[in-house]
N, C-alpha and C. Protein backbone atom coordinates (compact mmCIF):
# COMPACT_ATOMS: atom_id res chain seq x y z
N MET A 1 47.24 -28.43 -11.79
CA MET A 1 46.56 -29.35 -12.68
C MET A 1 45.06 -29.05 -12.66
N HIS A 2 44.47 -28.90 -13.85
CA HIS A 2 43.04 -28.60 -13.96
C HIS A 2 42.24 -29.90 -13.95
N GLU A 3 41.18 -29.85 -13.24
CA GLU A 3 40.26 -30.98 -13.22
C GLU A 3 39.14 -30.66 -14.20
N PRO A 4 38.94 -31.45 -15.25
CA PRO A 4 37.92 -31.14 -16.28
C PRO A 4 36.52 -30.97 -15.70
N HIS A 5 36.16 -31.76 -14.72
CA HIS A 5 34.79 -31.66 -14.19
C HIS A 5 34.62 -30.36 -13.40
N ILE A 6 35.68 -29.85 -12.78
CA ILE A 6 35.60 -28.58 -12.05
C ILE A 6 35.48 -27.42 -13.04
N ASP A 7 36.27 -27.47 -14.13
CA ASP A 7 36.18 -26.43 -15.15
C ASP A 7 34.79 -26.41 -15.78
N ALA A 8 34.23 -27.57 -16.04
CA ALA A 8 32.89 -27.65 -16.63
C ALA A 8 31.85 -27.09 -15.67
N LEU A 9 32.00 -27.41 -14.39
CA LEU A 9 31.07 -26.90 -13.37
C LEU A 9 31.15 -25.38 -13.27
N ASP A 10 32.38 -24.85 -13.28
CA ASP A 10 32.55 -23.39 -13.24
C ASP A 10 31.93 -22.74 -14.46
N GLY A 11 32.09 -23.33 -15.62
CA GLY A 11 31.50 -22.80 -16.85
C GLY A 11 29.98 -22.78 -16.78
N ARG A 12 29.41 -23.85 -16.23
CA ARG A 12 27.94 -23.90 -16.08
C ARG A 12 27.47 -22.83 -15.11
N ARG A 13 28.19 -22.65 -14.01
CA ARG A 13 27.80 -21.62 -13.04
C ARG A 13 27.87 -20.22 -13.65
N GLN A 14 28.91 -19.98 -14.42
CA GLN A 14 29.05 -18.67 -15.06
C GLN A 14 27.93 -18.44 -16.08
N ARG A 15 27.59 -19.45 -16.86
CA ARG A 15 26.49 -19.32 -17.82
C ARG A 15 25.17 -19.11 -17.08
N ALA A 16 24.98 -19.82 -15.99
CA ALA A 16 23.74 -19.67 -15.22
C ALA A 16 23.65 -18.25 -14.64
N ALA A 17 24.76 -17.73 -14.15
CA ALA A 17 24.77 -16.37 -13.59
C ALA A 17 24.48 -15.34 -14.68
N ARG A 18 25.06 -15.53 -15.87
CA ARG A 18 24.80 -14.60 -16.98
C ARG A 18 23.33 -14.67 -17.41
N SER A 19 22.78 -15.88 -17.46
CA SER A 19 21.37 -16.03 -17.82
C SER A 19 20.47 -15.36 -16.80
N ARG A 20 20.80 -15.54 -15.55
CA ARG A 20 20.02 -14.92 -14.47
C ARG A 20 20.02 -13.40 -14.61
N GLU A 21 21.17 -12.82 -14.90
CA GLU A 21 21.26 -11.37 -15.06
C GLU A 21 20.47 -10.90 -16.28
N ARG A 22 20.55 -11.64 -17.38
CA ARG A 22 19.77 -11.27 -18.57
C ARG A 22 18.28 -11.32 -18.28
N ILE A 23 17.87 -12.32 -17.53
CA ILE A 23 16.46 -12.44 -17.17
C ILE A 23 16.04 -11.25 -16.30
N LEU A 24 16.83 -10.93 -15.29
CA LEU A 24 16.48 -9.82 -14.40
C LEU A 24 16.53 -8.48 -15.13
N ASP A 25 17.45 -8.33 -16.07
CA ASP A 25 17.48 -7.12 -16.90
C ASP A 25 16.18 -7.00 -17.70
N ALA A 26 15.72 -8.12 -18.22
CA ALA A 26 14.47 -8.12 -18.99
C ALA A 26 13.27 -7.78 -18.10
N VAL A 27 13.27 -8.28 -16.87
CA VAL A 27 12.19 -7.94 -15.94
C VAL A 27 12.21 -6.44 -15.65
N ALA A 28 13.40 -5.88 -15.42
CA ALA A 28 13.52 -4.44 -15.15
C ALA A 28 13.00 -3.63 -16.34
N GLU A 29 13.37 -4.04 -17.54
CA GLU A 29 12.87 -3.34 -18.74
C GLU A 29 11.36 -3.43 -18.83
N ALA A 30 10.83 -4.62 -18.59
CA ALA A 30 9.38 -4.81 -18.67
C ALA A 30 8.64 -3.98 -17.63
N LEU A 31 9.19 -3.89 -16.43
CA LEU A 31 8.54 -3.11 -15.38
C LEU A 31 8.53 -1.62 -15.70
N SER A 32 9.51 -1.17 -16.47
CA SER A 32 9.57 0.26 -16.78
C SER A 32 8.59 0.66 -17.88
N GLU A 33 7.96 -0.30 -18.51
CA GLU A 33 6.98 -0.03 -19.55
C GLU A 33 5.58 -0.27 -19.01
N PRO A 34 4.68 0.69 -19.24
CA PRO A 34 3.32 0.49 -18.73
C PRO A 34 2.62 -0.68 -19.43
N ASP A 35 1.82 -1.37 -18.69
CA ASP A 35 0.96 -2.43 -19.23
C ASP A 35 1.70 -3.59 -19.87
N VAL A 36 2.94 -3.83 -19.47
CA VAL A 36 3.67 -4.99 -19.98
C VAL A 36 3.49 -6.13 -18.99
N ASP A 37 3.16 -7.29 -19.50
CA ASP A 37 2.95 -8.44 -18.64
C ASP A 37 4.30 -9.04 -18.26
N ILE A 38 4.44 -9.39 -17.00
CA ILE A 38 5.71 -9.93 -16.51
C ILE A 38 5.51 -11.43 -16.22
N THR A 39 5.16 -12.15 -17.24
CA THR A 39 5.02 -13.59 -17.09
C THR A 39 6.33 -14.24 -17.51
N PRO A 40 6.58 -15.46 -17.05
CA PRO A 40 7.78 -16.16 -17.51
C PRO A 40 7.86 -16.24 -19.04
N ASN A 41 6.72 -16.46 -19.71
CA ASN A 41 6.73 -16.53 -21.18
C ASN A 41 7.17 -15.21 -21.79
N ALA A 42 6.63 -14.10 -21.30
CA ALA A 42 6.98 -12.78 -21.84
C ALA A 42 8.45 -12.46 -21.57
N ILE A 43 8.93 -12.83 -20.40
CA ILE A 43 10.33 -12.55 -20.06
C ILE A 43 11.27 -13.44 -20.86
N ALA A 44 10.84 -14.67 -21.15
CA ALA A 44 11.66 -15.56 -21.99
C ALA A 44 11.83 -14.93 -23.38
N ALA A 45 10.74 -14.42 -23.93
CA ALA A 45 10.82 -13.80 -25.26
C ALA A 45 11.70 -12.55 -25.22
N ARG A 46 11.58 -11.77 -24.19
CA ARG A 46 12.33 -10.52 -24.09
C ARG A 46 13.81 -10.76 -23.82
N SER A 47 14.12 -11.77 -23.00
CA SER A 47 15.52 -11.99 -22.59
C SER A 47 16.30 -12.91 -23.52
N GLY A 48 15.59 -13.70 -24.31
CA GLY A 48 16.26 -14.67 -25.15
C GLY A 48 16.72 -15.89 -24.38
N VAL A 49 16.20 -16.06 -23.18
CA VAL A 49 16.53 -17.21 -22.34
C VAL A 49 15.32 -18.14 -22.36
N SER A 50 15.56 -19.41 -22.36
CA SER A 50 14.45 -20.37 -22.48
C SER A 50 13.51 -20.30 -21.29
N LEU A 51 12.26 -20.61 -21.56
CA LEU A 51 11.24 -20.64 -20.52
C LEU A 51 11.62 -21.61 -19.42
N SER A 52 12.17 -22.77 -19.79
CA SER A 52 12.54 -23.77 -18.76
C SER A 52 13.62 -23.22 -17.83
N THR A 53 14.55 -22.42 -18.36
CA THR A 53 15.58 -21.82 -17.51
C THR A 53 14.96 -20.81 -16.56
N ILE A 54 14.03 -20.02 -17.05
CA ILE A 54 13.37 -19.02 -16.20
C ILE A 54 12.60 -19.72 -15.09
N VAL A 55 11.86 -20.74 -15.43
CA VAL A 55 11.08 -21.47 -14.42
C VAL A 55 12.02 -22.13 -13.42
N ARG A 56 13.14 -22.67 -13.88
CA ARG A 56 14.09 -23.31 -12.98
C ARG A 56 14.68 -22.31 -11.98
N HIS A 57 15.00 -21.11 -12.47
CA HIS A 57 15.60 -20.08 -11.60
C HIS A 57 14.56 -19.39 -10.71
N PHE A 58 13.36 -19.10 -11.27
CA PHE A 58 12.45 -18.18 -10.58
C PHE A 58 11.04 -18.73 -10.34
N ARG A 59 10.68 -19.81 -10.93
CA ARG A 59 9.41 -20.49 -10.81
C ARG A 59 8.25 -19.75 -11.49
N ASN A 60 7.98 -18.48 -11.12
CA ASN A 60 6.80 -17.80 -11.64
C ASN A 60 7.02 -16.28 -11.62
N ARG A 61 5.96 -15.54 -11.92
CA ARG A 61 6.02 -14.09 -11.97
C ARG A 61 6.50 -13.52 -10.64
N GLU A 62 5.94 -13.99 -9.54
CA GLU A 62 6.33 -13.49 -8.23
C GLU A 62 7.81 -13.72 -7.95
N GLY A 63 8.31 -14.87 -8.38
CA GLY A 63 9.73 -15.15 -8.20
C GLY A 63 10.60 -14.20 -9.01
N LEU A 64 10.16 -13.86 -10.22
CA LEU A 64 10.88 -12.90 -11.05
C LEU A 64 10.94 -11.52 -10.38
N VAL A 65 9.79 -11.05 -9.91
CA VAL A 65 9.71 -9.72 -9.30
C VAL A 65 10.48 -9.69 -7.99
N THR A 66 10.36 -10.75 -7.21
CA THR A 66 11.10 -10.82 -5.94
C THR A 66 12.61 -10.79 -6.18
N ALA A 67 13.07 -11.54 -7.16
CA ALA A 67 14.51 -11.57 -7.45
C ALA A 67 15.00 -10.20 -7.92
N LEU A 68 14.20 -9.50 -8.71
CA LEU A 68 14.60 -8.16 -9.14
C LEU A 68 14.66 -7.21 -7.95
N ARG A 69 13.66 -7.26 -7.08
CA ARG A 69 13.67 -6.41 -5.88
C ARG A 69 14.90 -6.69 -5.03
N GLU A 70 15.25 -7.96 -4.88
CA GLU A 70 16.43 -8.31 -4.09
C GLU A 70 17.71 -7.80 -4.74
N ARG A 71 17.80 -7.89 -6.07
CA ARG A 71 18.97 -7.38 -6.77
C ARG A 71 19.08 -5.87 -6.57
N ILE A 72 17.96 -5.16 -6.72
CA ILE A 72 17.97 -3.71 -6.52
C ILE A 72 18.37 -3.38 -5.09
N ARG A 73 17.79 -4.08 -4.13
CA ARG A 73 18.13 -3.84 -2.72
C ARG A 73 19.63 -4.05 -2.48
N ASP A 74 20.17 -5.13 -3.03
CA ASP A 74 21.59 -5.43 -2.84
C ASP A 74 22.49 -4.39 -3.48
N GLN A 75 22.00 -3.72 -4.52
CA GLN A 75 22.79 -2.68 -5.16
C GLN A 75 22.61 -1.32 -4.47
N VAL A 76 21.42 -1.07 -3.95
CA VAL A 76 21.11 0.24 -3.35
C VAL A 76 21.65 0.36 -1.92
N LEU A 77 21.55 -0.69 -1.13
CA LEU A 77 21.96 -0.60 0.28
C LEU A 77 23.39 -0.12 0.48
N PRO A 78 24.37 -0.62 -0.27
CA PRO A 78 25.73 -0.11 -0.07
C PRO A 78 25.85 1.39 -0.34
N ILE A 79 25.07 1.89 -1.28
CA ILE A 79 25.10 3.33 -1.57
C ILE A 79 24.48 4.10 -0.42
N LEU A 80 23.34 3.62 0.08
CA LEU A 80 22.68 4.29 1.20
C LEU A 80 23.53 4.25 2.47
N GLN A 81 24.26 3.16 2.64
CA GLN A 81 25.03 2.97 3.87
C GLN A 81 26.49 3.42 3.73
N ALA A 82 26.81 4.02 2.59
CA ALA A 82 28.18 4.49 2.40
C ALA A 82 28.52 5.51 3.48
N GLY A 83 29.77 5.63 3.76
CA GLY A 83 30.22 6.50 4.82
C GLY A 83 29.87 7.96 4.62
N PRO A 84 30.23 8.76 5.59
CA PRO A 84 29.91 10.18 5.52
C PRO A 84 30.63 10.85 4.34
N ILE A 85 30.04 11.94 3.92
CA ILE A 85 30.60 12.70 2.81
C ILE A 85 31.34 13.90 3.40
N GLU A 86 32.58 14.02 3.06
CA GLU A 86 33.44 15.09 3.59
C GLU A 86 33.76 16.10 2.50
N GLY A 87 34.26 17.27 2.92
CA GLY A 87 34.73 18.27 1.97
C GLY A 87 33.95 19.56 2.08
N ASP A 88 34.22 20.45 1.16
CA ASP A 88 33.50 21.72 1.16
C ASP A 88 32.07 21.48 0.67
N LEU A 89 31.25 22.51 0.73
CA LEU A 89 29.83 22.38 0.39
C LEU A 89 29.63 21.82 -1.01
N GLU A 90 30.32 22.36 -1.98
CA GLU A 90 30.13 21.91 -3.36
C GLU A 90 30.51 20.44 -3.53
N THR A 91 31.60 20.03 -2.92
CA THR A 91 32.03 18.63 -2.99
C THR A 91 30.99 17.72 -2.36
N ARG A 92 30.49 18.11 -1.19
CA ARG A 92 29.49 17.27 -0.51
C ARG A 92 28.19 17.18 -1.30
N VAL A 93 27.75 18.31 -1.87
CA VAL A 93 26.52 18.30 -2.65
C VAL A 93 26.69 17.43 -3.90
N HIS A 94 27.81 17.58 -4.59
CA HIS A 94 28.07 16.75 -5.77
C HIS A 94 28.02 15.27 -5.42
N GLU A 95 28.68 14.88 -4.35
CA GLU A 95 28.72 13.46 -3.97
C GLU A 95 27.35 12.98 -3.50
N HIS A 96 26.65 13.83 -2.76
CA HIS A 96 25.31 13.45 -2.30
C HIS A 96 24.39 13.21 -3.51
N VAL A 97 24.41 14.12 -4.46
CA VAL A 97 23.58 13.97 -5.66
C VAL A 97 24.03 12.76 -6.46
N ARG A 98 25.34 12.53 -6.57
CA ARG A 98 25.83 11.36 -7.30
C ARG A 98 25.27 10.07 -6.70
N ARG A 99 25.27 10.00 -5.38
CA ARG A 99 24.73 8.80 -4.72
C ARG A 99 23.24 8.65 -4.98
N ARG A 100 22.51 9.75 -4.87
CA ARG A 100 21.06 9.68 -5.12
C ARG A 100 20.78 9.25 -6.56
N VAL A 101 21.50 9.84 -7.49
CA VAL A 101 21.30 9.52 -8.90
C VAL A 101 21.57 8.03 -9.14
N ALA A 102 22.60 7.50 -8.54
CA ALA A 102 22.90 6.07 -8.68
C ALA A 102 21.74 5.23 -8.15
N ILE A 103 21.21 5.61 -7.01
CA ILE A 103 20.07 4.89 -6.43
C ILE A 103 18.85 5.00 -7.35
N PHE A 104 18.56 6.21 -7.81
CA PHE A 104 17.38 6.42 -8.65
C PHE A 104 17.47 5.63 -9.95
N GLU A 105 18.64 5.59 -10.55
CA GLU A 105 18.80 4.85 -11.79
C GLU A 105 18.59 3.35 -11.56
N LEU A 106 19.07 2.85 -10.43
CA LEU A 106 18.90 1.43 -10.13
C LEU A 106 17.45 1.07 -9.85
N MET A 107 16.76 1.93 -9.13
CA MET A 107 15.42 1.58 -8.68
C MET A 107 14.30 2.05 -9.59
N ALA A 108 14.61 2.81 -10.63
CA ALA A 108 13.58 3.38 -11.50
C ALA A 108 12.57 2.35 -12.02
N PRO A 109 13.01 1.21 -12.56
CA PRO A 109 12.00 0.27 -13.08
C PRO A 109 11.03 -0.21 -12.01
N ALA A 110 11.53 -0.56 -10.85
CA ALA A 110 10.66 -1.05 -9.79
C ALA A 110 9.79 0.08 -9.25
N TYR A 111 10.33 1.28 -9.16
CA TYR A 111 9.57 2.42 -8.66
C TYR A 111 8.43 2.75 -9.63
N HIS A 112 8.71 2.71 -10.93
CA HIS A 112 7.66 2.98 -11.90
C HIS A 112 6.56 1.93 -11.82
N ALA A 113 6.96 0.71 -11.60
CA ALA A 113 5.98 -0.37 -11.52
C ALA A 113 5.15 -0.26 -10.25
N GLY A 114 5.79 0.25 -9.18
CA GLY A 114 5.10 0.49 -7.91
C GLY A 114 4.20 -0.64 -7.50
N PRO A 115 2.95 -0.31 -7.24
CA PRO A 115 2.01 -1.32 -6.77
C PRO A 115 1.79 -2.46 -7.75
N ARG A 116 2.14 -2.25 -9.02
CA ARG A 116 1.99 -3.33 -10.00
C ARG A 116 2.93 -4.49 -9.69
N SER A 117 4.06 -4.18 -9.05
CA SER A 117 5.03 -5.24 -8.77
C SER A 117 4.98 -5.73 -7.32
N LEU A 118 4.27 -5.00 -6.47
CA LEU A 118 4.16 -5.36 -5.06
C LEU A 118 2.73 -5.13 -4.61
N HIS A 119 2.39 -5.69 -3.48
CA HIS A 119 1.12 -5.33 -2.86
C HIS A 119 1.22 -3.87 -2.44
N PRO A 120 0.14 -3.10 -2.55
CA PRO A 120 0.22 -1.65 -2.25
C PRO A 120 0.85 -1.33 -0.89
N GLY A 121 0.51 -2.05 0.15
CA GLY A 121 1.08 -1.79 1.47
C GLY A 121 2.59 -2.03 1.50
N GLU A 122 3.01 -3.10 0.84
CA GLU A 122 4.44 -3.42 0.79
C GLU A 122 5.19 -2.37 -0.02
N TRP A 123 4.58 -1.89 -1.11
CA TRP A 123 5.21 -0.87 -1.93
C TRP A 123 5.41 0.42 -1.13
N ARG A 124 4.37 0.85 -0.41
CA ARG A 124 4.48 2.06 0.42
C ARG A 124 5.55 1.89 1.49
N GLU A 125 5.59 0.72 2.09
CA GLU A 125 6.58 0.45 3.14
C GLU A 125 8.01 0.55 2.59
N ARG A 126 8.26 -0.03 1.44
CA ARG A 126 9.59 0.03 0.83
C ARG A 126 9.94 1.46 0.40
N ARG A 127 8.96 2.16 -0.17
CA ARG A 127 9.18 3.55 -0.57
C ARG A 127 9.51 4.41 0.64
N ASP A 128 8.77 4.22 1.72
CA ASP A 128 9.01 4.99 2.94
C ASP A 128 10.37 4.68 3.55
N LEU A 129 10.78 3.43 3.50
CA LEU A 129 12.09 3.03 4.01
C LEU A 129 13.20 3.72 3.21
N LEU A 130 13.06 3.73 1.91
CA LEU A 130 14.04 4.41 1.06
C LEU A 130 14.05 5.91 1.39
N GLU A 131 12.89 6.51 1.50
CA GLU A 131 12.82 7.95 1.80
C GLU A 131 13.49 8.27 3.13
N ARG A 132 13.30 7.41 4.13
CA ARG A 132 13.97 7.64 5.42
C ARG A 132 15.48 7.58 5.27
N GLY A 133 15.96 6.61 4.50
CA GLY A 133 17.40 6.49 4.27
C GLY A 133 17.96 7.70 3.54
N LEU A 134 17.24 8.18 2.54
CA LEU A 134 17.68 9.36 1.80
C LEU A 134 17.66 10.61 2.69
N LYS A 135 16.66 10.71 3.55
CA LYS A 135 16.56 11.85 4.45
C LYS A 135 17.73 11.86 5.45
N GLU A 136 18.04 10.69 5.98
CA GLU A 136 19.18 10.59 6.91
C GLU A 136 20.48 10.96 6.21
N GLN A 137 20.64 10.51 4.97
CA GLN A 137 21.85 10.82 4.21
C GLN A 137 21.94 12.33 3.95
N LEU A 138 20.81 12.95 3.63
CA LEU A 138 20.79 14.39 3.40
C LEU A 138 21.18 15.14 4.67
N ARG A 139 20.58 14.75 5.78
CA ARG A 139 20.88 15.42 7.06
C ARG A 139 22.34 15.26 7.45
N SER A 140 22.88 14.06 7.28
CA SER A 140 24.27 13.86 7.69
C SER A 140 25.24 14.59 6.77
N THR A 141 24.90 14.73 5.51
CA THR A 141 25.78 15.41 4.55
C THR A 141 25.76 16.92 4.74
N LEU A 142 24.59 17.46 5.06
CA LEU A 142 24.43 18.92 5.12
C LEU A 142 24.00 19.41 6.49
N ARG A 143 24.43 18.71 7.52
CA ARG A 143 24.04 19.03 8.89
C ARG A 143 24.25 20.51 9.22
N ASP A 144 25.45 21.02 8.95
CA ASP A 144 25.76 22.41 9.31
C ASP A 144 24.92 23.40 8.51
N GLU A 145 24.74 23.14 7.24
CA GLU A 145 24.00 24.06 6.39
C GLU A 145 22.50 24.06 6.70
N LEU A 146 21.97 22.91 7.08
CA LEU A 146 20.54 22.82 7.36
C LEU A 146 20.19 23.36 8.74
N GLY A 147 21.08 23.13 9.70
CA GLY A 147 20.80 23.57 11.06
C GLY A 147 19.42 23.11 11.49
N ASN A 148 18.61 24.04 11.94
CA ASN A 148 17.25 23.73 12.37
C ASN A 148 16.21 24.24 11.38
N ASP A 149 16.64 24.54 10.17
CA ASP A 149 15.74 25.11 9.16
C ASP A 149 15.03 23.97 8.41
N SER A 150 13.88 23.59 8.92
CA SER A 150 13.15 22.48 8.30
C SER A 150 12.60 22.87 6.93
N GLY A 151 12.43 24.16 6.68
CA GLY A 151 11.95 24.60 5.38
C GLY A 151 12.95 24.31 4.28
N VAL A 152 14.21 24.64 4.52
CA VAL A 152 15.25 24.37 3.52
C VAL A 152 15.40 22.86 3.34
N GLU A 153 15.36 22.14 4.43
CA GLU A 153 15.47 20.67 4.32
C GLU A 153 14.34 20.11 3.49
N ALA A 154 13.12 20.59 3.71
CA ALA A 154 11.97 20.11 2.93
C ALA A 154 12.12 20.46 1.46
N GLN A 155 12.60 21.66 1.17
CA GLN A 155 12.81 22.07 -0.21
C GLN A 155 13.87 21.18 -0.88
N LEU A 156 14.96 20.96 -0.18
CA LEU A 156 16.02 20.11 -0.74
C LEU A 156 15.52 18.68 -0.95
N ALA A 157 14.82 18.15 0.03
CA ALA A 157 14.31 16.78 -0.09
C ALA A 157 13.38 16.66 -1.29
N THR A 158 12.57 17.69 -1.53
CA THR A 158 11.67 17.68 -2.68
C THR A 158 12.45 17.80 -3.98
N PHE A 159 13.37 18.74 -4.00
CA PHE A 159 14.15 18.98 -5.21
C PHE A 159 15.03 17.79 -5.56
N LEU A 160 15.53 17.09 -4.55
CA LEU A 160 16.41 15.94 -4.77
C LEU A 160 15.66 14.61 -4.69
N SER A 161 14.36 14.66 -4.90
CA SER A 161 13.54 13.44 -4.80
C SER A 161 13.55 12.66 -6.11
N PHE A 162 13.10 11.42 -6.01
CA PHE A 162 12.96 10.59 -7.20
C PHE A 162 11.99 11.24 -8.17
N ALA A 163 10.91 11.83 -7.67
CA ALA A 163 9.91 12.45 -8.53
C ALA A 163 10.54 13.55 -9.40
N CYS A 164 11.38 14.38 -8.80
CA CYS A 164 12.04 15.44 -9.56
C CYS A 164 13.01 14.83 -10.59
N TRP A 165 13.81 13.88 -10.13
CA TRP A 165 14.75 13.20 -11.02
C TRP A 165 14.00 12.55 -12.18
N ASP A 166 12.93 11.85 -11.88
CA ASP A 166 12.17 11.15 -12.89
C ASP A 166 11.54 12.14 -13.88
N HIS A 167 11.07 13.26 -13.37
CA HIS A 167 10.50 14.28 -14.25
C HIS A 167 11.56 14.78 -15.25
N LEU A 168 12.74 15.05 -14.75
CA LEU A 168 13.83 15.48 -15.63
C LEU A 168 14.13 14.41 -16.68
N ARG A 169 14.25 13.17 -16.23
CA ARG A 169 14.69 12.08 -17.11
C ARG A 169 13.61 11.65 -18.11
N THR A 170 12.36 11.53 -17.65
CA THR A 170 11.33 10.97 -18.53
C THR A 170 10.46 12.03 -19.20
N THR A 171 10.00 13.02 -18.46
CA THR A 171 9.14 14.03 -19.05
C THR A 171 9.94 15.06 -19.85
N GLN A 172 11.02 15.55 -19.25
CA GLN A 172 11.84 16.56 -19.92
C GLN A 172 12.87 15.95 -20.87
N LYS A 173 13.06 14.63 -20.79
CA LYS A 173 14.02 13.92 -21.65
C LYS A 173 15.45 14.45 -21.51
N VAL A 174 15.83 14.77 -20.27
CA VAL A 174 17.17 15.26 -19.96
C VAL A 174 18.06 14.04 -19.70
N GLY A 175 19.25 14.04 -20.25
CA GLY A 175 20.19 12.95 -20.04
C GLY A 175 20.64 12.89 -18.59
N ALA A 176 21.17 11.73 -18.19
CA ALA A 176 21.56 11.51 -16.79
C ALA A 176 22.60 12.52 -16.33
N ARG A 177 23.62 12.77 -17.12
CA ARG A 177 24.68 13.70 -16.72
C ARG A 177 24.13 15.12 -16.54
N ARG A 178 23.32 15.56 -17.48
CA ARG A 178 22.73 16.91 -17.40
C ARG A 178 21.77 17.01 -16.21
N ALA A 179 20.97 15.98 -15.99
CA ALA A 179 20.05 15.98 -14.85
C ALA A 179 20.83 16.08 -13.54
N HIS A 180 21.94 15.35 -13.45
CA HIS A 180 22.80 15.43 -12.26
C HIS A 180 23.27 16.86 -12.05
N THR A 181 23.75 17.50 -13.11
CA THR A 181 24.24 18.87 -13.02
C THR A 181 23.13 19.82 -12.58
N LEU A 182 21.94 19.66 -13.13
CA LEU A 182 20.82 20.52 -12.75
C LEU A 182 20.46 20.35 -11.28
N LEU A 183 20.49 19.12 -10.79
CA LEU A 183 20.18 18.90 -9.37
C LEU A 183 21.25 19.51 -8.47
N VAL A 184 22.50 19.38 -8.84
CA VAL A 184 23.57 19.98 -8.05
C VAL A 184 23.42 21.50 -8.03
N GLN A 185 23.20 22.09 -9.20
CA GLN A 185 23.05 23.55 -9.26
C GLN A 185 21.87 24.02 -8.42
N GLY A 186 20.75 23.33 -8.52
CA GLY A 186 19.57 23.71 -7.75
C GLY A 186 19.78 23.57 -6.25
N ALA A 187 20.41 22.47 -5.86
CA ALA A 187 20.67 22.25 -4.42
C ALA A 187 21.60 23.34 -3.88
N LEU A 188 22.65 23.66 -4.62
CA LEU A 188 23.57 24.71 -4.17
C LEU A 188 22.86 26.06 -4.10
N ALA A 189 21.99 26.33 -5.06
CA ALA A 189 21.24 27.60 -5.03
C ALA A 189 20.34 27.67 -3.79
N LEU A 190 19.71 26.57 -3.43
CA LEU A 190 18.86 26.54 -2.24
C LEU A 190 19.67 26.75 -0.96
N LEU A 191 20.90 26.26 -0.96
CA LEU A 191 21.72 26.33 0.24
C LEU A 191 22.47 27.65 0.39
N ARG A 192 22.56 28.42 -0.66
CA ARG A 192 23.34 29.66 -0.59
C ARG A 192 22.49 30.86 -0.30
């Protein structure tokens, strides 16, 4: 037997969750554009969600940016903490690049905004934390191939960095699938 007040409550929660996601999507879009103001008013216009709803969920600009950072963190951490990658070299490189690409696509808006969305010290700290996680993932995936060759590791880390990915995607206008293929090919060439 359905209780009408429970169904209504569930409907309100689902609408609130959808509104929250639309708002955070709008914040991510705004952060990826230079010189866009991330005020509740601007995000209300961009998301199509009322200003009162935005203020109720997030209060102000800082609340919007904090919520987006938390959403990105919650999406990125499982990828960074995913188990070891097994298989032959090509399989491991493909999966390693796939994971990096997923992370880069999720974090691109906040990364582009950089210090604009965080205090400079906090931005550097978060960037460095991500870089350490990516470095550990690279080492664990390619332990045998890297051995003690810090030069190859440095080359791979540079080639598989967000900066390289971003250059392909934004400057060179390469699609995500093609950029992934180029990174895999380059990484395999460096390792062979």
